[in-house]
Amino acid sequence: FDEFAHRIGTSITSKSRNDRANWSALRE
């Protein structure tokens, strides 16, 4: 996941991704 985040340029990390409050914004 961290490799993906680095490649696509997202600020979320594998440690913070499990917070469901972020999921809707992440998907968008």
PDB file of all heavy atoms in Angstrom:
ATOM      1  N   PHE A   1       0.832  -1.204   0.000  1.00  0.00           N
ATOM      2  CA  PHE A   1       0.000   0.000   0.000  1.00  0.00           C
ATOM      3  C   PHE A   1       0.867   1.254   0.000  1.00  0.00           C
ATOM      4  O   PHE A   1       0.574   2.229  -0.712  1.00  0.00           O
ATOM      5  CB  PHE A   1      -0.931   0.016   1.211  1.00  0.00           C
ATOM      6  CG  PHE A   1      -1.851   1.198   1.232  1.00  0.00           C
ATOM      7  CD1 PHE A   1      -3.071   1.153   0.587  1.00  0.00           C
ATOM      8  CD2 PHE A   1      -1.467   2.379   1.873  1.00  0.00           C
ATOM      9  CE1 PHE A   1      -3.908   2.270   0.588  1.00  0.00           C
ATOM     10  CE2 PHE A   1      -2.299   3.488   1.872  1.00  0.00           C
ATOM     11  CZ  PHE A   1      -3.522   3.430   1.224  1.00  0.00           C
ATOM     12  N   ASP A   2       1.932   1.240   0.801  1.00  0.00           N
ATOM     13  CA  ASP A   2       2.808   2.405   0.839  1.00  0.00           C
ATOM     14  C   ASP A   2       3.465   2.645  -0.515  1.00  0.00           C
ATOM     15  O   ASP A   2       3.699   3.805  -0.907  1.00  0.00           O
ATOM     16  CB  ASP A   2       3.866   2.233   1.933  1.00  0.00           C
ATOM     17  CG  ASP A   2       3.270   2.330   3.331  1.00  0.00           C
ATOM     18  OD1 ASP A   2       2.182   2.930   3.475  1.00  0.00           O
ATOM     19  OD2 ASP A   2       3.881   1.798   4.280  1.00  0.00           O
ATOM     20  N   GLU A   3       3.795   1.573  -1.237  1.00  0.00           N
ATOM     21  CA  GLU A   3       4.337   1.709  -2.580  1.00  0.00           C
ATOM     22  C   GLU A   3       3.299   2.357  -3.501  1.00  0.00           C
ATOM     23  O   GLU A   3       3.620   3.249  -4.301  1.00  0.00           O
ATOM     24  CB  GLU A   3       4.752   0.337  -3.124  1.00  0.00           C
ATOM     25  CG  GLU A   3       5.187   0.314  -4.580  1.00  0.00           C
ATOM     26  CD  GLU A   3       6.552   0.925  -4.812  1.00  0.00           C
ATOM     27  OE1 GLU A   3       7.234   1.249  -3.820  1.00  0.00           O
ATOM     28  OE2 GLU A   3       6.944   1.076  -5.985  1.00  0.00           O
ATOM     29  N   PHE A   4       2.047   1.895  -3.388  1.00  0.00           N
ATOM     30  CA  PHE A   4       0.979   2.493  -4.192  1.00  0.00           C
ATOM     31  C   PHE A   4       0.815   3.976  -3.859  1.00  0.00           C
ATOM     32  O   PHE A   4       0.723   4.825  -4.756  1.00  0.00           O
ATOM     33  CB  PHE A   4      -0.338   1.756  -3.950  1.00  0.00           C
ATOM     34  CG  PHE A   4      -1.544   2.504  -4.435  1.00  0.00           C
ATOM     35  CD1 PHE A   4      -1.864   2.540  -5.790  1.00  0.00           C
ATOM     36  CD2 PHE A   4      -2.345   3.220  -3.542  1.00  0.00           C
ATOM     37  CE1 PHE A   4      -2.966   3.254  -6.245  1.00  0.00           C
ATOM     38  CE2 PHE A   4      -3.441   3.935  -3.993  1.00  0.00           C
ATOM     39  CZ  PHE A   4      -3.754   3.943  -5.350  1.00  0.00           C
ATOM     40  N   ALA A   5       0.766   4.301  -2.569  1.00  0.00           N
ATOM     41  CA  ALA A   5       0.564   5.684  -2.148  1.00  0.00           C
ATOM     42  C   ALA A   5       1.669   6.587  -2.679  1.00  0.00           C
ATOM     43  O   ALA A   5       1.421   7.717  -3.120  1.00  0.00           O
ATOM     44  CB  ALA A   5       0.505   5.758  -0.623  1.00  0.00           C
ATOM     45  N   HIS A   6       2.889   6.091  -2.641  1.00  0.00           N
ATOM     46  CA  HIS A   6       4.020   6.862  -3.163  1.00  0.00           C
ATOM     47  C   HIS A   6       3.874   7.100  -4.662  1.00  0.00           C
ATOM     48  O   HIS A   6       4.104   8.218  -5.148  1.00  0.00           O
ATOM     49  CB  HIS A   6       5.323   6.131  -2.859  1.00  0.00           C
ATOM     50  CG  HIS A   6       6.512   6.691  -3.563  1.00  0.00           C
ATOM     51  ND1 HIS A   6       7.074   7.911  -3.233  1.00  0.00           N
ATOM     52  CD2 HIS A   6       7.254   6.203  -4.605  1.00  0.00           C
ATOM     53  CE1 HIS A   6       8.104   8.151  -4.025  1.00  0.00           C
ATOM     54  NE2 HIS A   6       8.231   7.136  -4.869  1.00  0.00           N
ATOM     55  N   ARG A   7       3.468   6.066  -5.403  1.00  0.00           N
ATOM     56  CA  ARG A   7       3.387   6.182  -6.858  1.00  0.00           C
ATOM     57  C   ARG A   7       2.255   7.103  -7.309  1.00  0.00           C
ATOM     58  O   ARG A   7       2.389   7.828  -8.292  1.00  0.00           O
ATOM     59  CB  ARG A   7       3.178   4.798  -7.467  1.00  0.00           C
ATOM     60  CG  ARG A   7       4.344   3.845  -7.251  1.00  0.00           C
ATOM     61  CD  ARG A   7       5.397   4.016  -8.310  1.00  0.00           C
ATOM     62  NE  ARG A   7       6.563   3.182  -8.040  1.00  0.00           N
ATOM     63  CZ  ARG A   7       7.574   3.034  -8.882  1.00  0.00           C
ATOM     64  NH1 ARG A   7       7.542   3.666 -10.049  1.00  0.00           N
ATOM     65  NH2 ARG A   7       8.600   2.286  -8.569  1.00  0.00           N
ATOM     66  N   ILE A   8       1.133   7.045  -6.610  1.00  0.00           N
ATOM     67  CA  ILE A   8      -0.025   7.835  -7.061  1.00  0.00           C
ATOM     68  C   ILE A   8      -0.047   9.224  -6.423  1.00  0.00           C
ATOM     69  O   ILE A   8      -0.762  10.114  -6.868  1.00  0.00           O
ATOM     70  CB  ILE A   8      -1.348   7.094  -6.776  1.00  0.00           C
ATOM     71  CG1 ILE A   8      -2.438   7.613  -7.737  1.00  0.00           C
ATOM     72  CG2 ILE A   8      -1.753   7.220  -5.319  1.00  0.00           C
ATOM     73  CD1 ILE A   8      -3.705   6.797  -7.731  1.00  0.00           C
ATOM     74  N   GLY A   9       0.747   9.386  -5.333  1.00  0.00           N
ATOM     75  CA  GLY A   9       0.862  10.703  -4.726  1.00  0.00           C
ATOM     76  C   GLY A   9      -0.166  11.012  -3.667  1.00  0.00           C
ATOM     77  O   GLY A   9      -0.433  12.184  -3.387  1.00  0.00           O
ATOM     78  N   THR A  10      -0.730  10.004  -3.050  1.00  0.00           N
ATOM     79  CA  THR A  10      -1.712  10.232  -1.992  1.00  0.00           C
ATOM     80  C   THR A  10      -1.010  10.374  -0.654  1.00  0.00           C
ATOM     81  O   THR A  10       0.050   9.791  -0.414  1.00  0.00           O
ATOM     82  CB  THR A  10      -2.737   9.089  -1.937  1.00  0.00           C
ATOM     83  OG1 THR A  10      -3.767   9.421  -1.014  1.00  0.00           O
ATOM     84  CG2 THR A  10      -2.088   7.787  -1.489  1.00  0.00           C
ATOM     85  N   SER A  11      -1.597  11.136   0.238  1.00  0.00           N
ATOM     86  CA  SER A  11      -0.965  11.394   1.533  1.00  0.00           C
ATOM     87  C   SER A  11      -1.264  10.317   2.564  1.00  0.00           C
ATOM     88  O   SER A  11      -0.588  10.218   3.585  1.00  0.00           O
ATOM     89  CB  SER A  11      -1.434  12.751   2.078  1.00  0.00           C
ATOM     90  OG  SER A  11      -2.848  12.759   2.229  1.00  0.00           O
ATOM     91  N   ILE A  12      -2.264   9.485   2.307  1.00  0.00           N
ATOM     92  CA  ILE A  12      -2.643   8.450   3.267  1.00  0.00           C
ATOM     93  C   ILE A  12      -1.566   7.378   3.310  1.00  0.00           C
ATOM     94  O   ILE A  12      -0.902   7.100   2.314  1.00  0.00           O
ATOM     95  CB  ILE A  12      -4.017   7.840   2.899  1.00  0.00           C
ATOM     96  CG1 ILE A  12      -4.641   7.144   4.105  1.00  0.00           C
ATOM     97  CG2 ILE A  12      -3.881   6.875   1.738  1.00  0.00           C
ATOM     98  CD1 ILE A  12      -5.260   8.094   5.066  1.00  0.00           C
ATOM     99  N   THR A  13      -1.357   6.764   4.458  1.00  0.00           N
ATOM    100  CA  THR A  13      -0.358   5.697   4.607  1.00  0.00           C
ATOM    101  C   THR A  13      -1.044   4.432   5.089  1.00  0.00           C
ATOM    102  O   THR A  13      -2.220   4.440   5.464  1.00  0.00           O
ATOM    103  CB  THR A  13       0.724   6.091   5.617  1.00  0.00           C
ATOM    104  OG1 THR A  13       0.131   6.158   6.926  1.00  0.00           O
ATOM    105  CG2 THR A  13       1.360   7.423   5.255  1.00  0.00           C
ATOM    106  N   SER A  14      -0.284   3.333   5.103  1.00  0.00           N
ATOM    107  CA  SER A  14      -0.843   2.059   5.542  1.00  0.00           C
ATOM    108  C   SER A  14      -1.266   2.109   7.005  1.00  0.00           C
ATOM    109  O   SER A  14      -2.127   1.340   7.433  1.00  0.00           O
ATOM    110  CB  SER A  14       0.181   0.938   5.330  1.00  0.00           C
ATOM    111  OG  SER A  14       1.384   1.234   6.027  1.00  0.00           O
ATOM    112  N   LYS A  15      -0.676   3.030   7.777  1.00  0.00           N
ATOM    113  CA  LYS A  15      -1.022   3.124   9.194  1.00  0.00           C
ATOM    114  C   LYS A  15      -2.333   3.871   9.420  1.00  0.00           C
ATOM    115  O   LYS A  15      -3.034   3.626  10.391  1.00  0.00           O
ATOM    116  CB  LYS A  15       0.108   3.815   9.952  1.00  0.00           C
ATOM    117  CG  LYS A  15       1.403   3.004  10.012  1.00  0.00           C
ATOM    118  CD  LYS A  15       2.468   3.716  10.834  1.00  0.00           C
ATOM    119  CE  LYS A  15       3.735   2.886  10.913  1.00  0.00           C
ATOM    120  NZ  LYS A  15       4.805   3.572  11.707  1.00  0.00           N
ATOM    121  N   SER A  16      -2.660   4.782   8.521  1.00  0.00           N
ATOM    122  CA  SER A  16      -3.866   5.593   8.716  1.00  0.00           C
ATOM    123  C   SER A  16      -5.025   5.183   7.814  1.00  0.00           C
ATOM    124  O   SER A  16      -6.136   5.708   7.962  1.00  0.00           O
ATOM    125  CB  SER A  16      -3.545   7.067   8.467  1.00  0.00           C
ATOM    126  OG  SER A  16      -3.018   7.263   7.161  1.00  0.00           O
ATOM    127  N   ARG A  17      -4.785   4.228   6.914  1.00  0.00           N
ATOM    128  CA  ARG A  17      -5.823   3.898   5.938  1.00  0.00           C
ATOM    129  C   ARG A  17      -7.039   3.217   6.554  1.00  0.00           C
ATOM    130  O   ARG A  17      -8.117   3.222   5.975  1.00  0.00           O
ATOM    131  CB  ARG A  17      -5.261   2.999   4.840  1.00  0.00           C
ATOM    132  CG  ARG A  17      -4.903   1.592   5.298  1.00  0.00           C
ATOM    133  CD  ARG A  17      -4.445   0.721   4.155  1.00  0.00           C
ATOM    134  NE  ARG A  17      -4.062  -0.618   4.616  1.00  0.00           N
ATOM    135  CZ  ARG A  17      -3.696  -1.607   3.812  1.00  0.00           C
ATOM    136  NH1 ARG A  17      -3.651  -1.413   2.507  1.00  0.00           N
ATOM    137  NH2 ARG A  17      -3.367  -2.776   4.307  1.00  0.00           N
ATOM    138  N   ASN A  18      -6.882   2.583   7.713  1.00  0.00           N
ATOM    139  CA  ASN A  18      -7.991   1.812   8.293  1.00  0.00           C
ATOM    140  C   ASN A  18      -9.049   2.685   8.962  1.00  0.00           C
ATOM    141  O   ASN A  18     -10.059   2.162   9.444  1.00  0.00           O
ATOM    142  CB  ASN A  18      -7.453   0.784   9.295  1.00  0.00           C
ATOM    143  CG  ASN A  18      -6.696  -0.337   8.600  1.00  0.00           C
ATOM    144  OD1 ASN A  18      -7.017  -0.714   7.486  1.00  0.00           O
ATOM    145  ND2 ASN A  18      -5.668  -0.859   9.261  1.00  0.00           N
ATOM    146  N   ASP A  19      -8.822   3.960   9.016  1.00  0.00           N
ATOM    147  CA  ASP A  19      -9.821   4.870   9.575  1.00  0.00           C
ATOM    148  C   ASP A  19     -10.935   5.037   8.543  1.00  0.00           C
ATOM    149  O   ASP A  19     -10.765   5.700   7.523  1.00  0.00           O
ATOM    150  CB  ASP A  19      -9.176   6.218   9.898  1.00  0.00           C
ATOM    151  CG  ASP A  19     -10.142   7.170  10.595  1.00  0.00           C
ATOM    152  OD1 ASP A  19     -11.348   6.855  10.664  1.00  0.00           O
ATOM    153  OD2 ASP A  19      -9.685   8.233  11.045  1.00  0.00           O
ATOM    154  N   ARG A  20     -12.077   4.411   8.816  1.00  0.00           N
ATOM    155  CA  ARG A  20     -13.176   4.431   7.857  1.00  0.00           C
ATOM    156  C   ARG A  20     -13.650   5.841   7.533  1.00  0.00           C
ATOM    157  O   ARG A  20     -14.274   6.058   6.483  1.00  0.00           O
ATOM    158  CB  ARG A  20     -14.350   3.595   8.390  1.00  0.00           C
ATOM    159  CG  ARG A  20     -14.100   2.088   8.322  1.00  0.00           C
ATOM    160  CD  ARG A  20     -15.282   1.312   8.876  1.00  0.00           C
ATOM    161  NE  ARG A  20     -15.106  -0.129   8.708  1.00  0.00           N
ATOM    162  CZ  ARG A  20     -15.583  -0.827   7.680  1.00  0.00           C
ATOM    163  NH1 ARG A  20     -16.264  -0.204   6.727  1.00  0.00           N
ATOM    164  NH2 ARG A  20     -15.389  -2.127   7.597  1.00  0.00           N
ATOM    165  N   ALA A  21     -13.358   6.776   8.400  1.00  0.00           N
ATOM    166  CA  ALA A  21     -13.785   8.149   8.144  1.00  0.00           C
ATOM    167  C   ALA A  21     -13.091   8.710   6.902  1.00  0.00           C
ATOM    168  O   ALA A  21     -13.596   9.666   6.291  1.00  0.00           O
ATOM    169  CB  ALA A  21     -13.476   9.029   9.357  1.00  0.00           C
ATOM    170  N   ASN A  22     -11.956   8.113   6.519  1.00  0.00           N
ATOM    171  CA  ASN A  22     -11.209   8.601   5.353  1.00  0.00           C
ATOM    172  C   ASN A  22     -11.626   7.921   4.047  1.00  0.00           C
ATOM    173  O   ASN A  22     -11.223   8.375   2.968  1.00  0.00           O
ATOM    174  CB  ASN A  22      -9.708   8.357   5.546  1.00  0.00           C
ATOM    175  CG  ASN A  22      -9.139   9.142   6.712  1.00  0.00           C
ATOM    176  OD1 ASN A  22      -9.580  10.248   6.991  1.00  0.00           O
ATOM    177  ND2 ASN A  22      -8.145   8.556   7.390  1.00  0.00           N
ATOM    178  N   TRP A  23     -12.395   6.849   4.144  1.00  0.00           N
ATOM    179  CA  TRP A  23     -12.599   6.013   2.965  1.00  0.00           C
ATOM    180  C   TRP A  23     -13.353   6.718   1.839  1.00  0.00           C
ATOM    181  O   TRP A  23     -13.006   6.581   0.667  1.00  0.00           O
ATOM    182  CB  TRP A  23     -13.322   4.725   3.353  1.00  0.00           C
ATOM    183  CG  TRP A  23     -12.421   3.768   4.099  1.00  0.00           C
ATOM    184  CD1 TRP A  23     -11.171   4.030   4.577  1.00  0.00           C
ATOM    185  CD2 TRP A  23     -12.696   2.420   4.451  1.00  0.00           C
ATOM    186  NE1 TRP A  23     -10.648   2.929   5.211  1.00  0.00           N
ATOM    187  CE2 TRP A  23     -11.572   1.920   5.143  1.00  0.00           C
ATOM    188  CE3 TRP A  23     -13.794   1.581   4.269  1.00  0.00           C
ATOM    189  CZ2 TRP A  23     -11.513   0.619   5.632  1.00  0.00           C
ATOM    190  CZ3 TRP A  23     -13.736   0.291   4.762  1.00  0.00           C
ATOM    191  CH2 TRP A  23     -12.603  -0.195   5.430  1.00  0.00           C
ATOM    192  N   SER A  24     -14.378   7.453   2.174  1.00  0.00           N
ATOM    193  CA  SER A  24     -15.153   8.125   1.142  1.00  0.00           C
ATOM    194  C   SER A  24     -14.290   9.130   0.386  1.00  0.00           C
ATOM    195  O   SER A  24     -14.316   9.198  -0.849  1.00  0.00           O
ATOM    196  CB  SER A  24     -16.352   8.838   1.771  1.00  0.00           C
ATOM    197  OG  SER A  24     -17.092   9.520   0.781  1.00  0.00           O
ATOM    198  N   ALA A  25     -13.481   9.895   1.127  1.00  0.00           N
ATOM    199  CA  ALA A  25     -12.602  10.873   0.484  1.00  0.00           C
ATOM    200  C   ALA A  25     -11.518  10.190  -0.336  1.00  0.00           C
ATOM    201  O   ALA A  25     -11.155  10.661  -1.420  1.00  0.00           O
ATOM    202  CB  ALA A  25     -11.977  11.781   1.545  1.00  0.00           C
ATOM    203  N   LEU A  26     -11.002   9.066   0.178  1.00  0.00           N
ATOM    204  CA  LEU A  26      -9.981   8.322  -0.553  1.00  0.00           C
ATOM    205  C   LEU A  26     -10.519   7.799  -1.876  1.00  0.00           C
ATOM    206  O   LEU A  26      -9.870   7.931  -2.919  1.00  0.00           O
ATOM    207  CB  LEU A  26      -9.487   7.144   0.286  1.00  0.00           C
ATOM    208  CG  LEU A  26      -8.346   7.387   1.263  1.00  0.00           C
ATOM    209  CD1 LEU A  26      -8.008   6.089   1.995  1.00  0.00           C
ATOM    210  CD2 LEU A  26      -7.126   7.914   0.542  1.00  0.00           C
ATOM    211  N   ARG A  27     -11.682   7.209  -1.827  1.00  0.00           N
ATOM    212  CA  ARG A  27     -12.280   6.652  -3.052  1.00  0.00           C
ATOM    213  C   ARG A  27     -12.514   7.754  -4.084  1.00  0.00           C
ATOM    214  O   ARG A  27     -12.268   7.563  -5.280  1.00  0.00           O
ATOM    215  CB  ARG A  27     -13.582   5.927  -2.719  1.00  0.00           C
ATOM    216  CG  ARG A  27     -14.023   4.929  -3.796  1.00  0.00           C
ATOM    217  CD  ARG A  27     -15.340   4.274  -3.410  1.00  0.00           C
ATOM    218  NE  ARG A  27     -15.258   3.445  -2.228  1.00  0.00           N
ATOM    219  CZ  ARG A  27     -14.888   2.158  -2.216  1.00  0.00           C
ATOM    220  NH1 ARG A  27     -14.537   1.578  -3.353  1.00  0.00           N
ATOM    221  NH2 ARG A  27     -14.854   1.475  -1.087  1.00  0.00           N
ATOM    222  N   GLU A  28     -12.966   8.900  -3.619  1.00  0.00           N
ATOM    223  CA  GLU A  28     -13.199  10.019  -4.533  1.00  0.00           C
ATOM    224  C   GLU A  28     -11.880  10.527  -5.109  1.00  0.00           C
ATOM    225  O   GLU A  28     -11.773  10.807  -6.317  1.00  0.00           O
ATOM    226  CB  GLU A  28     -13.920  11.145  -3.800  1.00  0.00           C
ATOM    227  CG  GLU A  28     -14.272  12.324  -4.692  1.00  0.00           C
ATOM    228  CD  GLU A  28     -15.068  13.397  -3.957  1.00  0.00           C
ATOM    229  OE1 GLU A  28     -15.484  13.140  -2.810  1.00  0.00           O
ATOM    230  OE2 GLU A  28     -15.265  14.477  -4.539  1.00  0.00           O
TER     231      GLU A  28
END
